[in-house]
Amino acid sequence: MLIKYSAKDLKDIKITPDIENLIEKKITQRLKKYSHNNQEQNVTVRVSEKKPRIRVDLELVYLNYNLHAEADVSSGEGIVGGVEKCLDILDRQIAKYRTKIHRSVHKNRGLNKADYADIDWQSDNSDDSDESGRKIIKVEDYELKPMNIDEAILQLEVLGYKFLFFYNTETGSPGVVYNRDDGNIGLIEG
């Protein structure tokens, strides 16, 4: 298991090798039951200090889903206490995903990449800027993940995104779920 540490604004607290070893042991024990085919898992641990609290963030990828947990703990509980709280959150997230995936697979047997590979997502406009002088500064290649609307909403909420672009297995077309200003969730179907 590869664990990356990122510390921000730590003044009174140090991440010593002993703490790293203890964190690695706890993470390995808790996530061992979720590893598939001895697949190497990358975990990112971010720690920041805001007196009198410590914030711990854990991120990992599980079955192509990005999982994120954060916990604010008192200085007395320490970094290890924050990691344990984050692991509790990740356990619940993984259990929720496993249930959703199990239901989805048995409900519609899912899709493979060949089912939507013939769709042309490229724009006909090759110009990178419009009349106002704005131009595209970042282009990402994003593989649409096949999922139903409930899975897309779950992914949107877990990741904390403003919107999520996905391939809707129920309609066979692309879709976008997004957080509305009124607190509800919107759906754009293609």
C-alpha atoms as a PDB file:
ATOM      1  CA  MET A   1       0.000   0.000   0.000  1.00  0.00           C
ATOM      2  CA  LEU A   2       1.391   3.362  -1.026  1.00  0.00           C
ATOM      3  CA  ILE A   3       0.569   6.166   1.386  1.00  0.00           C
ATOM      4  CA  LYS A   4       1.334   9.791   0.524  1.00  0.00           C
ATOM      5  CA  TYR A   5       1.444  12.356   3.303  1.00  0.00           C
ATOM      6  CA  SER A   6       0.755  16.038   2.884  1.00  0.00           C
ATOM      7  CA  ALA A   7       1.088  18.376   5.858  1.00  0.00           C
ATOM      8  CA  LYS A   8      -0.164  21.959   5.854  1.00  0.00           C
ATOM      9  CA  ASP A   9       0.183  24.579   8.588  1.00  0.00           C
ATOM     10  CA  LEU A  10       1.622  22.153  11.138  1.00  0.00           C
ATOM     11  CA  LYS A  11       3.343  24.067  13.913  1.00  0.00           C
ATOM     12  CA  ASP A  12       3.007  22.072  17.126  1.00  0.00           C
ATOM     13  CA  ILE A  13       2.438  18.649  15.579  1.00  0.00           C
ATOM     14  CA  LYS A  14       4.976  16.590  13.665  1.00  0.00           C
ATOM     15  CA  ILE A  15       4.359  13.469  11.598  1.00  0.00           C
ATOM     16  CA  THR A  16       7.114  11.239  12.917  1.00  0.00           C
ATOM     17  CA  PRO A  17       8.110   7.861  11.435  1.00  0.00           C
ATOM     18  CA  ASP A  18       6.376   6.168  14.397  1.00  0.00           C
ATOM     19  CA  ILE A  19       3.117   7.963  13.596  1.00  0.00           C
ATOM     20  CA  GLU A  20       3.521   7.084   9.893  1.00  0.00           C
ATOM     21  CA  ASN A  21       4.016   3.416  10.784  1.00  0.00           C
ATOM     22  CA  LEU A  22       0.973   3.414  13.083  1.00  0.00           C
ATOM     23  CA  ILE A  23      -1.170   5.117  10.428  1.00  0.00           C
ATOM     24  CA  GLU A  24       0.024   2.670   7.764  1.00  0.00           C
ATOM     25  CA  LYS A  25      -0.798  -0.289  10.025  1.00  0.00           C
ATOM     26  CA  LYS A  26      -4.311   1.021  10.762  1.00  0.00           C
ATOM     27  CA  ILE A  27      -5.052   1.819   7.111  1.00  0.00           C
ATOM     28  CA  THR A  28      -3.689  -1.538   5.925  1.00  0.00           C
ATOM     29  CA  GLN A  29      -5.742  -3.480   8.479  1.00  0.00           C
ATOM     30  CA  ARG A  30      -8.976  -1.654   7.669  1.00  0.00           C
ATOM     31  CA  LEU A  31      -8.627  -1.658   3.875  1.00  0.00           C
ATOM     32  CA  LYS A  32      -7.243  -5.191   3.556  1.00  0.00           C
ATOM     33  CA  LYS A  33     -10.747  -6.625   3.326  1.00  0.00           C
ATOM     34  CA  TYR A  34     -11.500  -4.382   0.333  1.00  0.00           C
ATOM     35  CA  SER A  35      -8.400  -5.116  -1.752  1.00  0.00           C
ATOM     36  CA  HIS A  36      -9.043  -7.075  -4.922  1.00  0.00           C
ATOM     37  CA  ASN A  37      -6.507  -9.395  -6.567  1.00  0.00           C
ATOM     38  CA  ASN A  38      -3.742  -8.003  -4.367  1.00  0.00           C
ATOM     39  CA  GLN A  39      -4.164  -4.699  -6.176  1.00  0.00           C
ATOM     40  CA  GLU A  40      -1.918  -1.930  -4.872  1.00  0.00           C
ATOM     41  CA  GLN A  41      -3.930   0.918  -3.344  1.00  0.00           C
ATOM     42  CA  ASN A  42      -2.795   4.503  -3.196  1.00  0.00           C
ATOM     43  CA  VAL A  43      -3.961   6.470  -0.180  1.00  0.00           C
ATOM     44  CA  THR A  44      -3.401  10.183   0.357  1.00  0.00           C
ATOM     45  CA  VAL A  45      -3.346  11.502   3.918  1.00  0.00           C
ATOM     46  CA  ARG A  46      -3.552  15.279   4.339  1.00  0.00           C
ATOM     47  CA  VAL A  47      -3.123  16.859   7.731  1.00  0.00           C
ATOM     48  CA  SER A  48      -3.613  20.506   8.633  1.00  0.00           C
ATOM     49  CA  GLU A  49      -3.671  22.235  11.985  1.00  0.00           C
ATOM     50  CA  LYS A  50      -6.093  24.975  12.934  1.00  0.00           C
ATOM     51  CA  LYS A  51      -5.837  25.594  16.633  1.00  0.00           C
ATOM     52  CA  PRO A  52      -7.163  23.867  18.679  1.00  0.00           C
ATOM     53  CA  ARG A  53      -8.271  21.331  16.050  1.00  0.00           C
ATOM     54  CA  ILE A  54      -6.538  19.045  13.562  1.00  0.00           C
ATOM     55  CA  ARG A  55      -8.080  18.272  10.184  1.00  0.00           C
ATOM     56  CA  VAL A  56      -7.308  14.929   8.558  1.00  0.00           C
ATOM     57  CA  ASP A  57      -8.322  14.066   4.978  1.00  0.00           C
ATOM     58  CA  LEU A  58      -8.046  10.598   3.422  1.00  0.00           C
ATOM     59  CA  GLU A  59      -8.457   9.922  -0.293  1.00  0.00           C
ATOM     60  CA  LEU A  60      -8.367   6.650  -2.186  1.00  0.00           C
ATOM     61  CA  VAL A  61      -9.731   5.014  -5.324  1.00  0.00           C
ATOM     62  CA  TYR A  62     -11.962   1.970  -4.854  1.00  0.00           C
ATOM     63  CA  LEU A  63     -13.355   0.182  -7.918  1.00  0.00           C
ATOM     64  CA  ASN A  64     -12.841   3.319 -10.038  1.00  0.00           C
ATOM     65  CA  TYR A  65     -14.671   5.489  -7.492  1.00  0.00           C
ATOM     66  CA  ASN A  66     -12.816   8.310  -5.804  1.00  0.00           C
ATOM     67  CA  LEU A  67     -13.503   8.199  -2.091  1.00  0.00           C
ATOM     68  CA  HIS A  68     -12.799  11.064   0.266  1.00  0.00           C
ATOM     69  CA  ALA A  69     -13.214  11.374   4.014  1.00  0.00           C
ATOM     70  CA  GLU A  70     -12.366  14.220   6.333  1.00  0.00           C
ATOM     71  CA  ALA A  71     -12.415  14.572  10.084  1.00  0.00           C
ATOM     72  CA  ASP A  72     -11.778  17.432  12.485  1.00  0.00           C
ATOM     73  CA  VAL A  73     -10.401  16.194  15.778  1.00  0.00           C
ATOM     74  CA  SER A  74      -9.060  17.829  18.894  1.00  0.00           C
ATOM     75  CA  SER A  75      -5.324  18.038  19.442  1.00  0.00           C
ATOM     76  CA  GLY A  76      -5.700  15.440  22.209  1.00  0.00           C
ATOM     77  CA  GLU A  77      -7.043  12.829  19.791  1.00  0.00           C
ATOM     78  CA  GLY A  78      -4.147  13.471  17.433  1.00  0.00           C
ATOM     79  CA  ILE A  79      -3.571  12.533  13.843  1.00  0.00           C
ATOM     80  CA  VAL A  80      -4.180   8.824  14.474  1.00  0.00           C
ATOM     81  CA  GLY A  81      -7.621   9.574  15.954  1.00  0.00           C
ATOM     82  CA  GLY A  82      -8.465  11.597  12.854  1.00  0.00           C
ATOM     83  CA  VAL A  83      -7.328   8.764  10.602  1.00  0.00           C
ATOM     84  CA  GLU A  84      -9.559   6.313  12.525  1.00  0.00           C
ATOM     85  CA  LYS A  85     -12.583   8.602  12.082  1.00  0.00           C
ATOM     86  CA  CYS A  86     -11.807   8.922   8.373  1.00  0.00           C
ATOM     87  CA  LEU A  87     -11.539   5.143   8.065  1.00  0.00           C
ATOM     88  CA  ASP A  88     -14.981   4.789   9.679  1.00  0.00           C
ATOM     89  CA  ILE A  89     -16.374   7.167   7.052  1.00  0.00           C
ATOM     90  CA  LEU A  90     -14.615   5.294   4.237  1.00  0.00           C
ATOM     91  CA  ASP A  91     -16.011   1.986   5.519  1.00  0.00           C
ATOM     92  CA  ARG A  92     -19.534   3.377   5.231  1.00  0.00           C
ATOM     93  CA  GLN A  93     -18.850   4.825   1.768  1.00  0.00           C
ATOM     94  CA  ILE A  94     -17.406   1.546   0.487  1.00  0.00           C
ATOM     95  CA  ALA A  95     -20.341  -0.434   1.913  1.00  0.00           C
ATOM     96  CA  LYS A  96     -22.743   1.972   0.195  1.00  0.00           C
ATOM     97  CA  TYR A  97     -20.889   1.624  -3.126  1.00  0.00           C
ATOM     98  CA  ARG A  98     -20.736  -2.151  -2.893  1.00  0.00           C
ATOM     99  CA  THR A  99     -24.495  -2.280  -2.330  1.00  0.00           C
ATOM    100  CA  LYS A 100     -25.182   0.098  -5.205  1.00  0.00           C
ATOM    101  CA  ILE A 101     -22.828  -1.767  -7.539  1.00  0.00           C
ATOM    102  CA  HIS A 102     -24.340  -5.115  -6.566  1.00  0.00           C
ATOM    103  CA  ARG A 103     -27.873  -3.845  -7.228  1.00  0.00           C
ATOM    104  CA  SER A 104     -26.845  -2.248 -10.513  1.00  0.00           C
ATOM    105  CA  VAL A 105     -25.041  -5.327 -11.805  1.00  0.00           C
ATOM    106  CA  HIS A 106     -27.919  -7.624 -10.981  1.00  0.00           C
ATOM    107  CA  LYS A 107     -30.541  -5.182 -12.223  1.00  0.00           C
ATOM    108  CA  ASN A 108     -29.235  -4.429 -15.712  1.00  0.00           C
ATOM    109  CA  ARG A 109     -25.986  -6.400 -15.970  1.00  0.00           C
ATOM    110  CA  GLY A 110     -24.067  -3.172 -16.697  1.00  0.00           C
ATOM    111  CA  LEU A 111     -22.404  -2.036 -19.920  1.00  0.00           C
ATOM    112  CA  ASN A 112     -18.927  -2.440 -21.243  1.00  0.00           C
ATOM    113  CA  LYS A 113     -16.886   0.156 -23.094  1.00  0.00           C
ATOM    114  CA  ALA A 114     -17.835  -1.269 -26.501  1.00  0.00           C
ATOM    115  CA  ASP A 115     -21.485  -0.347 -25.910  1.00  0.00           C
ATOM    116  CA  TYR A 116     -20.757   3.366 -26.067  1.00  0.00           C
ATOM    117  CA  ALA A 117     -17.453   3.538 -27.981  1.00  0.00           C
ATOM    118  CA  ASP A 118     -19.133   4.471 -31.294  1.00  0.00           C
ATOM    119  CA  ILE A 119     -20.515   7.778 -29.944  1.00  0.00           C
ATOM    120  CA  ASP A 120     -18.604  10.792 -31.284  1.00  0.00           C
ATOM    121  CA  TRP A 121     -18.149  13.296 -28.471  1.00  0.00           C
ATOM    122  CA  GLN A 122     -15.845  15.642 -30.400  1.00  0.00           C
ATOM    123  CA  SER A 123     -17.034  19.128 -31.276  1.00  0.00           C
ATOM    124  CA  ASP A 124     -17.263  20.246 -34.915  1.00  0.00           C
ATOM    125  CA  ASN A 125     -15.723  23.594 -33.958  1.00  0.00           C
ATOM    126  CA  SER A 126     -11.925  23.416 -34.102  1.00  0.00           C
ATOM    127  CA  ASP A 127     -11.358  27.021 -33.001  1.00  0.00           C
ATOM    128  CA  ASP A 128     -10.119  27.200 -29.394  1.00  0.00           C
ATOM    129  CA  SER A 129     -11.449  30.684 -28.673  1.00  0.00           C
ATOM    130  CA  ASP A 130     -14.663  32.612 -29.163  1.00  0.00           C
ATOM    131  CA  GLU A 131     -15.327  36.222 -30.208  1.00  0.00           C
ATOM    132  CA  SER A 132     -14.848  37.598 -26.660  1.00  0.00           C
ATOM    133  CA  GLY A 133     -11.163  36.652 -26.598  1.00  0.00           C
ATOM    134  CA  ARG A 134     -11.571  33.840 -24.068  1.00  0.00           C
ATOM    135  CA  LYS A 135      -9.765  30.656 -24.879  1.00  0.00           C
ATOM    136  CA  ILE A 136      -9.661  27.125 -23.587  1.00  0.00           C
ATOM    137  CA  ILE A 137      -6.738  26.769 -21.199  1.00  0.00           C
ATOM    138  CA  LYS A 138      -7.249  23.195 -20.031  1.00  0.00           C
ATOM    139  CA  VAL A 139      -8.512  20.131 -21.831  1.00  0.00           C
ATOM    140  CA  GLU A 140      -9.116  16.860 -20.023  1.00  0.00           C
ATOM    141  CA  ASP A 141      -9.779  13.473 -21.535  1.00  0.00           C
ATOM    142  CA  TYR A 142     -12.639  12.079 -19.496  1.00  0.00           C
ATOM    143  CA  GLU A 143     -13.888   8.533 -19.886  1.00  0.00           C
ATOM    144  CA  LEU A 144     -17.616   8.376 -19.282  1.00  0.00           C
ATOM    145  CA  LYS A 145     -18.417   5.879 -16.585  1.00  0.00           C
ATOM    146  CA  PRO A 146     -21.572   3.876 -17.190  1.00  0.00           C
ATOM    147  CA  MET A 147     -23.931   4.202 -14.241  1.00  0.00           C
ATOM    148  CA  ASN A 148     -27.560   4.834 -13.514  1.00  0.00           C
ATOM    149  CA  ILE A 149     -28.891   8.130 -12.172  1.00  0.00           C
ATOM    150  CA  ASP A 150     -28.832   6.985  -8.523  1.00  0.00           C
ATOM    151  CA  GLU A 151     -25.169   5.973  -8.793  1.00  0.00           C
ATOM    152  CA  ALA A 152     -24.323   9.294 -10.474  1.00  0.00           C
ATOM    153  CA  ILE A 153     -26.043  11.260  -7.683  1.00  0.00           C
ATOM    154  CA  LEU A 154     -24.220   9.184  -5.077  1.00  0.00           C
ATOM    155  CA  GLN A 155     -20.882   9.820  -6.804  1.00  0.00           C
ATOM    156  CA  LEU A 156     -21.704  13.556  -7.026  1.00  0.00           C
ATOM    157  CA  GLU A 157     -22.474  13.761  -3.296  1.00  0.00           C
ATOM    158  CA  VAL A 158     -19.545  11.639  -2.131  1.00  0.00           C
ATOM    159  CA  LEU A 159     -16.999  13.544  -4.203  1.00  0.00           C
ATOM    160  CA  GLY A 160     -18.508  16.949  -3.461  1.00  0.00           C
ATOM    161  CA  TYR A 161     -18.527  17.945  -7.150  1.00  0.00           C
ATOM    162  CA  LYS A 162     -20.748  20.678  -8.578  1.00  0.00           C
ATOM    163  CA  PHE A 163     -21.595  18.455 -11.553  1.00  0.00           C
ATOM    164  CA  LEU A 164     -20.844  14.972 -12.880  1.00  0.00           C
ATOM    165  CA  PHE A 165     -20.844  13.862 -16.514  1.00  0.00           C
ATOM    166  CA  PHE A 166     -21.735  10.167 -16.947  1.00  0.00           C
ATOM    167  CA  TYR A 167     -23.130   7.589 -19.368  1.00  0.00           C
ATOM    168  CA  ASN A 168     -26.703   6.793 -18.335  1.00  0.00           C
ATOM    169  CA  THR A 169     -27.235   3.013 -18.495  1.00  0.00           C
ATOM    170  CA  GLU A 170     -31.004   3.438 -18.264  1.00  0.00           C
ATOM    171  CA  THR A 171     -31.383   5.634 -21.376  1.00  0.00           C
ATOM    172  CA  GLY A 172     -28.218   4.685 -23.263  1.00  0.00           C
ATOM    173  CA  SER A 173     -27.141   8.309 -23.608  1.00  0.00           C
ATOM    174  CA  PRO A 174     -24.832  10.727 -21.795  1.00  0.00           C
ATOM    175  CA  GLY A 175     -26.125  12.772 -18.906  1.00  0.00           C
ATOM    176  CA  VAL A 176     -25.101  15.377 -16.345  1.00  0.00           C
ATOM    177  CA  VAL A 177     -26.218  15.605 -12.740  1.00  0.00           C
ATOM    178  CA  TYR A 178     -25.544  18.856 -10.928  1.00  0.00           C
ATOM    179  CA  ASN A 179     -26.165  20.636  -7.641  1.00  0.00           C
ATOM    180  CA  ARG A 180     -28.750  23.388  -7.985  1.00  0.00           C
ATOM    181  CA  ASP A 181     -28.639  26.660  -6.067  1.00  0.00           C
ATOM    182  CA  ASP A 182     -31.854  25.717  -4.239  1.00  0.00           C
ATOM    183  CA  GLY A 183     -30.166  22.618  -2.735  1.00  0.00           C
ATOM    184  CA  ASN A 184     -31.790  20.084  -5.060  1.00  0.00           C
ATOM    185  CA  ILE A 185     -30.130  18.042  -7.796  1.00  0.00           C
ATOM    186  CA  GLY A 186     -30.674  18.647 -11.505  1.00  0.00           C
ATOM    187  CA  LEU A 187     -30.367  16.199 -14.398  1.00  0.00           C
ATOM    188  CA  ILE A 188     -29.523  17.023 -18.007  1.00  0.00           C
ATOM    189  CA  GLU A 189     -30.134  14.161 -20.405  1.00  0.00           C
ATOM    190  CA  GLY A 190     -28.518  13.959 -23.837  1.00  0.00           C
END
